């Protein structure tokens, strides 16, 4: 006869069964948790590999970072941007799954959570903005100015390159408690990998840019190497530089050896050609006087900048002095319609380009001087031949005046002889020397009537004057 189990035994059996079921359920949950963690770790590993091995430009790299972050967590509201002075250069922005406006935003001080990260280099996890608002180290700011549309939770991490904070990543959700410390750690890993990849991409871009710049310098040198006519050379130089580098304006300015004024000899804007400035005026005059390269990335903030009605869109300017035999002969002026167009790493190639320009200008000036000397020698020979073949003094004087007018390309020429009383007598004349009377050989001219004549007597050297 079987014994009937007691109540106690039955209860113990039930408890044992429940305990066994709980253990089994715990093991199942634990297994599922471990499997989930393995899957997440594998996804993170894949993201790390994808970002670390990327050889893309900055724009494509930023898009890849968002793609990888979205595989690991809720990134339907996401932003990635870089710090540039007081600006936040936002490259990727997604709001509730939709692409949103990007661009440069001035952060200012205080600069919200993004500005706080820039200043401190620290990450921030916000589980619930409404509950934690008073305890946050910085108040959230909406880039759209929509305070009502602020999310409920978010993770904010800086992009660190060594000790420098170069940018920021952020994910946000409309649900409170959407993120945990694990999300903060994972996003920090992605941000640091992205920072390293961006630095590598920028270094590669700089090297490619430098190689391109040097190649373009060779192109400019090749195009101008055989040009010896100065005006043709200068025009070709500004056109070649603008074509190679794409600057909005290129101008070549040379110093007047007599007056010290700075004259625009060639420019991509024709109305600038021929304009003269006093010594030391503007950025161009300053660069020539100081003999140093000037890079002004915001001309509105530099009092030395001289605005011109022909170039209203200029936002940044670089002026490089032209050195020839350790003397500054002028300047190469480059202008852009964008701020921050001339970076510190650009200065070396700008100065190399200016050296190519200076050498080309120097060669053309030497050629021009030699040609001028040859022309003067030929002119003197013609005058001497004309005088030698004359039969009388009057005929010789007339021949000298005629040849000088023709060779000099002047409207009038007179040969004056100084009398014992200090007055001058016209020996020969070609053209009209005076607007007030018709002067003929034999007429007497007073020194004070012709300013250049008075200057010549005082200096005992050739003289000229703009006064009639």
Protein backbone atom coordinates (compact mmCIF):
# COMPACT_ATOMS: atom_id res chain seq x y z
CA UNK A 1 0.00 0.00 0.00
CA UNK A 2 1.53 3.33 -1.15
CA UNK A 3 1.93 6.03 1.40
CA UNK A 4 0.24 9.35 0.67
CA UNK A 5 2.83 12.19 0.57
CA UNK A 6 2.53 14.65 3.36
CA UNK A 7 1.71 18.29 2.81
CA UNK A 8 5.23 19.32 3.71
CA UNK A 9 6.75 16.94 1.22
CA UNK A 10 4.42 18.24 -1.47
CA UNK A 11 5.33 21.85 -0.74
CA UNK A 12 9.03 21.04 -0.86
CA UNK A 13 8.58 19.35 -4.18
CA UNK A 14 6.75 22.35 -5.56
CA UNK A 15 9.44 24.74 -4.28
CA UNK A 16 12.16 22.55 -5.74
CA UNK A 17 10.42 22.56 -9.10
CA UNK A 18 10.01 26.33 -8.99
CA UNK A 19 13.65 26.79 -8.04
CA UNK A 20 14.78 24.53 -10.85
CA UNK A 21 12.58 26.44 -13.29
CA UNK A 22 14.02 29.75 -12.04
CA UNK A 23 17.56 28.51 -12.50
CA UNK A 24 16.73 27.33 -15.99
CA UNK A 25 15.07 30.69 -16.80
CA UNK A 26 18.07 32.58 -15.36
CA UNK A 27 20.43 30.49 -17.47
CA UNK A 28 18.33 31.21 -20.56
CA UNK A 29 18.28 34.95 -19.85
CA UNK A 30 21.95 34.95 -19.10
CA UNK A 31 22.68 33.13 -22.31
CA UNK A 32 20.58 35.56 -24.30
CA UNK A 33 22.34 38.50 -22.63
CA UNK A 34 25.75 37.01 -23.42
CA UNK A 35 24.75 36.35 -27.00
CA UNK A 36 23.50 39.93 -27.30
CA UNK A 37 26.75 41.29 -25.86
CA UNK A 38 28.77 39.16 -28.28
CA UNK A 39 26.69 40.49 -31.17
CA UNK A 40 27.14 44.07 -29.97
CA UNK A 41 30.87 43.56 -29.51
CA UNK A 42 31.13 42.13 -33.01
CA UNK A 43 29.19 45.10 -34.41
CA UNK A 44 31.47 47.50 -32.54
CA UNK A 45 34.51 45.62 -33.83
CA UNK A 46 33.18 45.90 -37.39
CA UNK A 47 32.56 49.64 -36.90
CA UNK A 48 36.07 50.15 -35.54
CA UNK A 49 37.58 48.32 -38.49
CA UNK A 50 35.47 50.22 -41.02
CA UNK A 51 36.41 53.65 -39.64
CA UNK A 52 40.07 52.81 -38.99
CA UNK A 53 40.62 51.46 -42.50
CA UNK A 54 38.74 54.24 -44.30
CA UNK A 55 40.79 56.26 -46.79
CA UNK A 56 38.14 58.83 -47.59
CA UNK A 57 37.87 62.59 -47.63
CA UNK A 58 36.33 64.32 -44.63
CA UNK A 59 32.82 64.50 -46.04
CA UNK A 60 32.63 60.79 -46.86
CA UNK A 61 34.29 59.90 -43.55
CA UNK A 62 31.69 61.86 -41.57
CA UNK A 63 28.89 60.02 -43.38
CA UNK A 64 30.58 56.68 -42.58
CA UNK A 65 30.78 57.55 -38.87
CA UNK A 66 27.04 58.23 -38.78
CA UNK A 67 26.33 54.98 -40.62
CA UNK A 68 28.39 52.95 -38.13
CA UNK A 69 26.90 54.71 -35.09
CA UNK A 70 23.38 53.99 -36.37
CA UNK A 71 24.20 50.26 -36.48
CA UNK A 72 25.03 50.26 -32.78
CA UNK A 73 22.45 52.55 -31.20
CA UNK A 74 19.53 54.86 -31.81
CA UNK A 75 21.08 57.59 -33.97
CA UNK A 76 17.97 58.88 -35.67
CA UNK A 77 18.88 62.27 -34.22
CA UNK A 78 22.60 62.70 -34.79
CA UNK A 79 25.20 65.38 -35.38
CA UNK A 80 28.92 65.52 -36.14
CA UNK A 81 30.89 68.73 -36.44
CA UNK A 82 34.35 70.25 -36.14
CA UNK A 83 35.54 73.22 -34.14
CA UNK A 84 37.13 76.10 -36.04
CA UNK A 85 37.89 79.01 -33.75
CA UNK A 86 34.59 80.36 -32.48
CA UNK A 87 32.65 78.41 -35.12
CA UNK A 88 31.13 74.94 -35.11
CA UNK A 89 31.44 73.49 -38.60
CA UNK A 90 28.54 71.04 -38.69
CA UNK A 91 29.14 68.33 -41.32
CA UNK A 92 26.40 65.74 -40.64
CA UNK A 93 23.06 66.42 -39.02
CA UNK A 94 20.03 64.15 -38.88
CA UNK A 95 16.86 65.04 -36.95
CA UNK A 96 14.35 62.26 -36.32
CA UNK A 97 15.63 60.35 -39.32
CA UNK A 98 15.65 63.29 -41.74
CA UNK A 99 18.70 65.17 -43.01
CA UNK A 100 18.83 68.69 -41.59
CA UNK A 101 20.67 71.92 -42.29
CA UNK A 102 24.45 71.86 -41.94
CA UNK A 103 27.02 74.65 -42.11
CA UNK A 104 29.00 76.91 -39.83
CA UNK A 105 27.44 78.10 -36.59
CA UNK A 106 28.98 80.53 -34.13
CA UNK A 107 29.04 78.86 -30.73
CA UNK A 108 29.90 81.86 -28.61
CA UNK A 109 30.29 81.88 -24.82
CA UNK A 110 28.51 80.19 -23.22
CA UNK A 111 28.11 77.77 -26.07
CA UNK A 112 25.62 75.22 -24.77
CA UNK A 113 26.60 71.58 -24.33
CA UNK A 114 28.65 71.58 -27.56
CA UNK A 115 30.60 74.63 -26.40
CA UNK A 116 31.09 73.07 -22.97
CA UNK A 117 32.61 69.96 -24.59
CA UNK A 118 34.88 72.14 -26.70
CA UNK A 119 36.14 73.94 -23.59
CA UNK A 120 36.45 70.91 -21.28
CA UNK A 121 37.00 67.92 -23.56
CA UNK A 122 34.53 65.92 -21.41
CA UNK A 123 31.61 63.68 -22.52
CA UNK A 124 28.07 63.94 -21.18
CA UNK A 125 25.20 61.44 -20.76
CA UNK A 126 21.75 62.92 -20.22
CA UNK A 127 19.08 60.38 -19.32
CA UNK A 128 16.25 62.90 -19.03
CA UNK A 129 16.65 66.55 -19.89
CA UNK A 130 13.53 67.58 -18.03
CA UNK A 131 14.59 66.02 -14.76
CA UNK A 132 18.30 66.85 -15.00
CA UNK A 133 18.10 70.34 -16.50
CA UNK A 134 19.13 72.19 -13.34
CA UNK A 135 22.08 69.85 -12.74
CA UNK A 136 23.57 69.98 -16.26
CA UNK A 137 26.98 71.69 -16.68
CA UNK A 138 25.58 73.63 -19.65
CA UNK A 139 22.12 74.31 -21.00
CA UNK A 140 21.09 72.64 -24.27
CA UNK A 141 20.73 74.87 -27.30
CA UNK A 142 18.73 74.18 -30.44
CA UNK A 143 20.48 75.05 -33.70
CA UNK A 144 17.04 75.86 -35.12
CA UNK A 145 16.00 77.99 -32.14
CA UNK A 146 13.17 75.54 -31.41
CA UNK A 147 13.22 75.09 -27.62
CA UNK A 148 9.98 73.08 -27.69
CA UNK A 149 11.52 70.48 -30.01
CA UNK A 150 14.42 69.54 -27.75
CA UNK A 151 14.85 65.75 -27.27
CA UNK A 152 14.44 64.05 -23.88
CA UNK A 153 17.80 62.21 -23.66
CA UNK A 154 21.18 62.27 -25.35
CA UNK A 155 24.84 61.32 -25.43
CA UNK A 156 27.49 63.95 -26.22
CA UNK A 157 31.15 63.05 -26.75
CA UNK A 158 34.16 65.14 -27.87
CA UNK A 159 36.40 64.13 -30.74
CA UNK A 160 39.90 64.09 -29.25
CA UNK A 161 43.16 64.22 -31.21
CA UNK A 162 45.85 64.12 -28.56
CA UNK A 163 45.09 66.98 -26.19
CA UNK A 164 43.08 68.88 -28.79
CA UNK A 165 39.30 68.80 -29.08
CA UNK A 166 38.72 68.93 -32.84
CA UNK A 167 35.00 68.22 -32.92
CA UNK A 168 31.95 66.60 -31.33
CA UNK A 169 29.49 63.72 -31.80
CA UNK A 170 25.99 63.64 -30.38
CA UNK A 171 22.99 61.29 -30.47
CA UNK A 172 19.60 62.17 -29.02
CA UNK A 173 16.20 60.60 -28.53
CA UNK A 174 12.65 61.77 -27.87
CA UNK A 175 12.36 59.04 -25.22
CA UNK A 176 13.76 59.46 -21.69
CA UNK A 177 16.35 56.94 -20.50
CA UNK A 178 17.09 55.87 -24.08
CA UNK A 179 20.83 55.72 -23.44
CA UNK A 180 23.13 54.19 -20.82
CA UNK A 181 26.76 54.30 -19.81
CA UNK A 182 27.42 51.61 -22.40
CA UNK A 183 26.22 53.95 -25.19
CA UNK A 184 28.50 56.64 -23.80
CA UNK A 185 31.52 54.29 -23.93
CA UNK A 186 30.73 53.02 -27.43
CA UNK A 187 30.15 56.49 -28.87
CA UNK A 188 33.38 57.71 -27.25
CA UNK A 189 35.29 54.90 -28.98
CA UNK A 190 33.73 55.85 -32.32
CA UNK A 191 34.47 59.56 -31.75
CA UNK A 192 38.14 58.96 -30.96
CA UNK A 193 38.54 56.68 -33.98
CA UNK A 194 36.84 59.30 -36.16
CA UNK A 195 39.16 62.02 -34.82
CA UNK A 196 42.23 59.96 -35.72
CA UNK A 197 40.83 59.16 -39.16
CA UNK A 198 40.02 62.83 -39.78
CA UNK A 199 43.52 63.88 -38.78
CA UNK A 200 44.95 61.31 -41.20
CA UNK A 201 42.62 62.48 -43.97
CA UNK A 202 43.63 66.09 -43.37
CA UNK A 203 47.33 65.21 -43.42
CA UNK A 204 46.85 63.34 -46.70
CA UNK A 205 44.87 66.25 -48.15
CA UNK A 206 47.64 68.68 -47.13
CA UNK A 207 50.28 66.57 -48.85
CA UNK A 208 48.20 66.26 -52.00
CA UNK A 209 47.53 69.99 -51.93
CA UNK A 210 51.23 70.75 -51.50
CA UNK A 211 52.14 68.50 -54.42
CA UNK A 212 49.47 70.17 -56.54
CA UNK A 213 50.68 73.63 -55.56
CA UNK A 214 54.27 72.83 -56.47
CA UNK A 215 53.11 71.41 -59.78
CA UNK A 216 51.16 74.58 -60.49
CA UNK A 217 54.22 76.70 -59.70
CA UNK A 218 56.09 74.74 -62.36
CA UNK A 219 53.20 75.36 -64.75
CA UNK A 220 53.32 79.12 -64.15
CA UNK A 221 57.12 79.16 -64.57
CA UNK A 222 56.89 77.17 -67.81
CA UNK A 223 54.24 79.45 -69.31
CA UNK A 224 56.25 82.61 -68.61
CA UNK A 225 59.85 81.44 -69.02
CA UNK A 226 60.18 82.61 -72.63
CA UNK A 227 58.34 85.95 -72.23
CA UNK A 228 60.67 88.96 -72.17
CA UNK A 229 58.29 91.80 -72.93
CA UNK A 230 57.40 93.11 -69.46
CA UNK A 231 53.77 94.07 -70.12
CA UNK A 232 53.04 90.77 -71.87
CA UNK A 233 54.78 88.86 -69.10
CA UNK A 234 52.85 90.55 -66.28
CA UNK A 235 49.50 90.00 -67.99
CA UNK A 236 50.33 86.35 -68.64
CA UNK A 237 51.47 85.86 -65.04
CA UNK A 238 48.23 87.06 -63.43
CA UNK A 239 46.15 85.03 -65.88
CA UNK A 240 48.25 81.90 -65.30
CA UNK A 241 48.09 82.24 -61.51
CA UNK A 242 44.33 82.76 -61.50
CA UNK A 243 43.84 79.85 -63.90
CA UNK A 244 46.03 77.55 -61.80
CA UNK A 245 44.79 78.45 -58.32
CA UNK A 246 41.32 79.88 -58.90
CA UNK A 247 41.70 83.04 -56.81
CA UNK A 248 38.99 85.64 -57.34
CA UNK A 249 41.59 88.35 -57.99
CA UNK A 250 45.29 88.37 -58.82
CA UNK A 251 47.29 91.59 -59.14
CA UNK A 252 50.94 92.44 -59.71
CA UNK A 253 52.21 95.69 -58.22
CA UNK A 254 55.63 97.27 -58.84
CA UNK A 255 57.27 100.12 -56.94
CA UNK A 256 58.14 103.29 -58.83
CA UNK A 257 61.89 103.76 -58.39
CA UNK A 258 61.58 107.54 -58.43
CA UNK A 259 58.42 108.36 -56.45
CA UNK A 260 58.17 105.19 -54.34
CA UNK A 261 54.51 104.87 -55.33
CA UNK A 262 53.06 101.44 -55.90
CA UNK A 263 51.48 100.91 -59.31
CA UNK A 264 49.23 98.06 -60.42
CA UNK A 265 50.93 96.86 -63.58
CA UNK A 266 48.70 93.84 -64.29
CA UNK A 267 45.49 92.46 -62.79
CA UNK A 268 42.67 90.07 -63.50
CA UNK A 269 40.31 93.04 -63.08
CA UNK A 270 41.19 95.51 -65.87
CA UNK A 271 40.02 98.61 -63.98
CA UNK A 272 42.70 98.06 -61.34
CA UNK A 273 45.54 98.32 -63.89
CA UNK A 274 47.34 101.65 -63.70
CA UNK A 275 46.06 102.63 -60.27
CA UNK A 276 48.77 104.03 -58.00
CA UNK A 277 49.04 104.11 -54.21
CA UNK A 278 51.36 106.09 -51.95
CA UNK A 279 54.23 104.20 -50.29
CA UNK A 280 53.10 102.06 -47.35
CA UNK A 281 49.37 102.39 -48.09
CA UNK A 282 47.09 99.40 -47.52
CA UNK A 283 48.08 95.78 -47.19
CA UNK A 284 50.04 95.94 -50.44
CA UNK A 285 52.08 98.97 -49.38
CA UNK A 286 52.66 97.46 -45.93
CA UNK A 287 53.95 94.18 -47.37
CA UNK A 288 56.33 96.05 -49.68
CA UNK A 289 57.58 98.40 -46.95
CA UNK A 290 58.04 95.65 -44.35
CA UNK A 291 59.20 93.02 -46.82
CA UNK A 292 56.99 90.38 -45.19
CA UNK A 293 54.12 88.21 -46.39
CA UNK A 294 50.70 89.23 -45.10
CA UNK A 295 47.79 86.79 -44.75
CA UNK A 296 44.54 88.43 -43.70
CA UNK A 297 41.71 85.92 -43.47
CA UNK A 298 39.06 88.50 -42.61
CA UNK A 299 39.77 91.86 -44.25
CA UNK A 300 36.85 93.50 -42.43
CA UNK A 301 38.81 93.11 -39.18
CA UNK A 302 42.06 94.67 -40.48
CA UNK A 303 42.29 98.47 -40.55
CA UNK A 304 45.09 98.35 -43.14
CA UNK A 305 42.79 96.91 -45.81
CA UNK A 306 41.89 99.41 -48.53
CA UNK A 307 38.56 98.64 -50.15
CA UNK A 308 38.20 99.30 -53.86
CA UNK A 309 34.90 99.63 -55.75
CA UNK A 310 36.18 97.17 -58.34
CA UNK A 311 36.63 94.36 -55.77
CA UNK A 312 33.62 94.55 -53.46
CA UNK A 313 33.45 90.80 -52.73
CA UNK A 314 36.91 90.44 -51.17
CA UNK A 315 36.80 88.63 -47.82
CA UNK A 316 40.42 87.53 -47.41
CA UNK A 317 43.72 88.64 -48.93
CA UNK A 318 47.34 87.53 -49.14
CA UNK A 319 50.13 89.87 -50.22
CA UNK A 320 53.63 88.50 -50.91
CA UNK A 321 56.59 90.84 -51.51
CA UNK A 322 58.63 90.29 -54.67
CA UNK A 323 62.34 90.03 -53.86
CA UNK A 324 65.01 90.54 -56.48
CA UNK A 325 68.65 90.59 -55.37
CA UNK A 326 67.55 91.16 -51.76
CA UNK A 327 65.46 94.18 -52.71
CA UNK A 328 61.66 94.38 -52.75
CA UNK A 329 60.55 95.47 -56.20
CA UNK A 330 56.80 95.00 -55.72
CA UNK A 331 54.16 92.57 -54.53
CA UNK A 332 51.90 89.74 -55.65
CA UNK A 333 48.35 90.34 -54.41
CA UNK A 334 45.82 87.49 -54.10
CA UNK A 335 42.22 87.97 -52.99
CA UNK A 336 39.36 85.57 -52.27
CA UNK A 337 35.64 85.91 -51.80
CA UNK A 338 35.84 83.47 -48.86
CA UNK A 339 37.15 84.10 -45.36
CA UNK A 340 40.05 81.95 -44.14
CA UNK A 341 41.21 81.30 -47.71
CA UNK A 342 44.92 81.60 -46.90
CA UNK A 343 46.14 79.15 -44.26
CA UNK A 344 49.50 79.14 -42.49
CA UNK A 345 50.61 76.06 -44.43
CA UNK A 346 49.97 77.96 -47.68
CA UNK A 347 52.59 80.60 -46.96
CA UNK A 348 55.58 78.55 -48.13
CA UNK A 349 54.12 77.89 -51.57
CA UNK A 350 52.90 81.50 -51.89
CA UNK A 351 56.43 82.74 -51.29
CA UNK A 352 57.83 80.16 -53.72
CA UNK A 353 55.31 81.35 -56.32
CA UNK A 354 56.30 84.98 -55.65
CA UNK A 355 59.95 84.08 -56.18
CA UNK A 356 59.13 82.62 -59.60
CA UNK A 357 57.24 85.83 -60.43
CA UNK A 358 60.10 88.04 -59.20
CA UNK A 359 62.70 86.20 -61.28
CA UNK A 360 60.51 86.42 -64.39
CA UNK A 361 59.93 90.16 -63.82
CA UNK A 362 63.63 90.73 -63.20
CA UNK A 363 64.60 88.99 -66.43
CA UNK A 364 62.05 91.03 -68.37
CA UNK A 365 63.28 94.25 -66.78
CA UNK A 366 66.87 93.39 -67.69
CA UNK A 367 65.81 92.67 -71.25
CA UNK A 368 63.85 95.92 -71.35
CA UNK A 369 66.83 97.86 -70.00
CA UNK A 370 69.12 96.30 -72.60
CA UNK A 371 66.65 97.10 -75.34
CA UNK A 372 66.31 100.66 -74.06
CA UNK A 373 70.10 101.03 -73.99
CA UNK A 374 70.36 99.69 -77.52
CA UNK A 375 67.64 102.08 -78.68
CA UNK A 376 69.37 105.05 -77.00
CA UNK A 377 72.67 104.12 -78.63
CA UNK A 378 71.00 103.88 -82.04
CA UNK A 379 69.25 107.21 -81.46
CA UNK A 380 72.51 108.91 -80.51
CA UNK A 381 74.17 107.55 -83.63
CA UNK A 382 71.34 108.88 -85.80
CA UNK A 383 71.57 112.29 -84.16
CA UNK A 384 75.35 112.31 -84.61
CA UNK A 385 75.03 111.28 -88.26
CA UNK A 386 72.43 113.99 -88.88
CA UNK A 387 74.60 116.65 -87.25
CA UNK A 388 77.75 115.50 -89.05
CA UNK A 389 76.13 115.61 -92.48
CA UNK A 390 74.75 119.14 -91.99
CA UNK A 391 76.32 121.99 -93.93
CA UNK A 392 75.69 124.69 -91.30
CA UNK A 393 74.95 125.13 -87.62
CA UNK A 394 71.35 125.98 -88.33
CA UNK A 395 70.95 122.88 -90.48
CA UNK A 396 72.61 120.72 -87.80
CA UNK A 397 70.32 122.15 -85.12
CA UNK A 398 67.27 121.50 -87.26
CA UNK A 399 68.38 117.90 -87.92
CA UNK A 400 68.95 117.21 -84.20
CA UNK A 401 65.48 118.55 -83.28
CA UNK A 402 63.82 116.57 -86.07
CA UNK A 403 65.51 113.25 -85.26
CA UNK A 404 64.92 113.68 -81.51
CA UNK A 405 61.20 114.31 -82.04
CA UNK A 406 60.84 111.25 -84.21
CA UNK A 407 62.85 108.91 -81.99
CA UNK A 408 61.35 110.21 -78.76
CA UNK A 409 57.79 110.02 -79.97
CA UNK A 410 57.04 113.51 -78.59
CA UNK A 411 54.74 116.18 -79.97
CA UNK A 412 57.32 118.95 -79.81
CA UNK A 413 61.08 119.31 -79.43
CA UNK A 414 63.28 122.37 -79.13
CA UNK A 415 67.05 122.86 -79.07
CA UNK A 416 67.90 125.68 -76.65
CA UNK A 417 71.24 127.48 -76.37
CA UNK A 418 72.18 129.38 -73.22
CA UNK A 419 73.29 132.96 -73.72
CA UNK A 420 75.87 134.73 -71.60
CA UNK A 421 73.11 136.57 -69.74
CA UNK A 422 71.61 133.25 -68.56
CA UNK A 423 68.67 133.35 -70.91
CA UNK A 424 67.97 130.64 -73.47
CA UNK A 425 67.60 131.15 -77.23
CA UNK A 426 65.77 128.71 -79.48
CA UNK A 427 68.22 127.32 -82.03
CA UNK A 428 65.70 124.92 -83.63
CA UNK A 429 62.15 123.79 -82.93
CA UNK A 430 59.84 121.04 -84.13
CA UNK A 431 56.18 121.20 -83.17
CA UNK A 432 54.52 123.71 -80.86
CA UNK A 433 56.45 124.32 -77.61
CA UNK A 434 53.88 126.69 -76.11
CA UNK A 435 50.08 126.73 -75.99
CA UNK A 436 50.10 130.53 -75.66
CA UNK A 437 52.35 131.64 -78.55
CA UNK A 438 54.12 130.29 -81.57
CA UNK A 439 57.85 130.09 -80.83
CA UNK A 440 60.40 130.14 -83.64
CA UNK A 441 64.20 129.94 -83.84
CA UNK A 442 65.78 133.06 -82.38
CA UNK A 443 63.08 133.60 -79.74
CA UNK A 444 64.30 134.00 -76.13
CA UNK A 445 62.91 131.84 -73.28
CA UNK A 446 63.21 132.78 -69.62
CA UNK A 447 64.19 130.01 -67.19
CA UNK A 448 61.24 130.71 -64.91
CA UNK A 449 58.83 130.16 -67.81
CA UNK A 450 59.65 126.44 -67.98
CA UNK A 451 59.66 124.59 -64.59
CA UNK A 452 61.71 121.66 -65.93
CA UNK A 453 64.35 124.07 -67.22
CA UNK A 454 64.69 125.64 -63.77
CA UNK A 455 64.98 122.15 -62.20
CA UNK A 456 67.69 121.18 -64.68
CA UNK A 457 69.73 124.28 -63.91
CA UNK A 458 69.42 123.74 -60.18
CA UNK A 459 70.32 120.04 -60.25
CA UNK A 460 72.70 120.04 -63.23
CA UNK A 461 70.92 116.81 -64.29
CA UNK A 462 68.10 115.85 -66.66
CA UNK A 463 64.75 116.99 -65.32
CA UNK A 464 61.09 116.75 -66.18
CA UNK A 465 57.87 118.29 -64.97
CA UNK A 466 54.15 117.71 -65.41
CA UNK A 467 53.63 121.49 -65.62
CA UNK A 468 53.57 123.02 -69.11
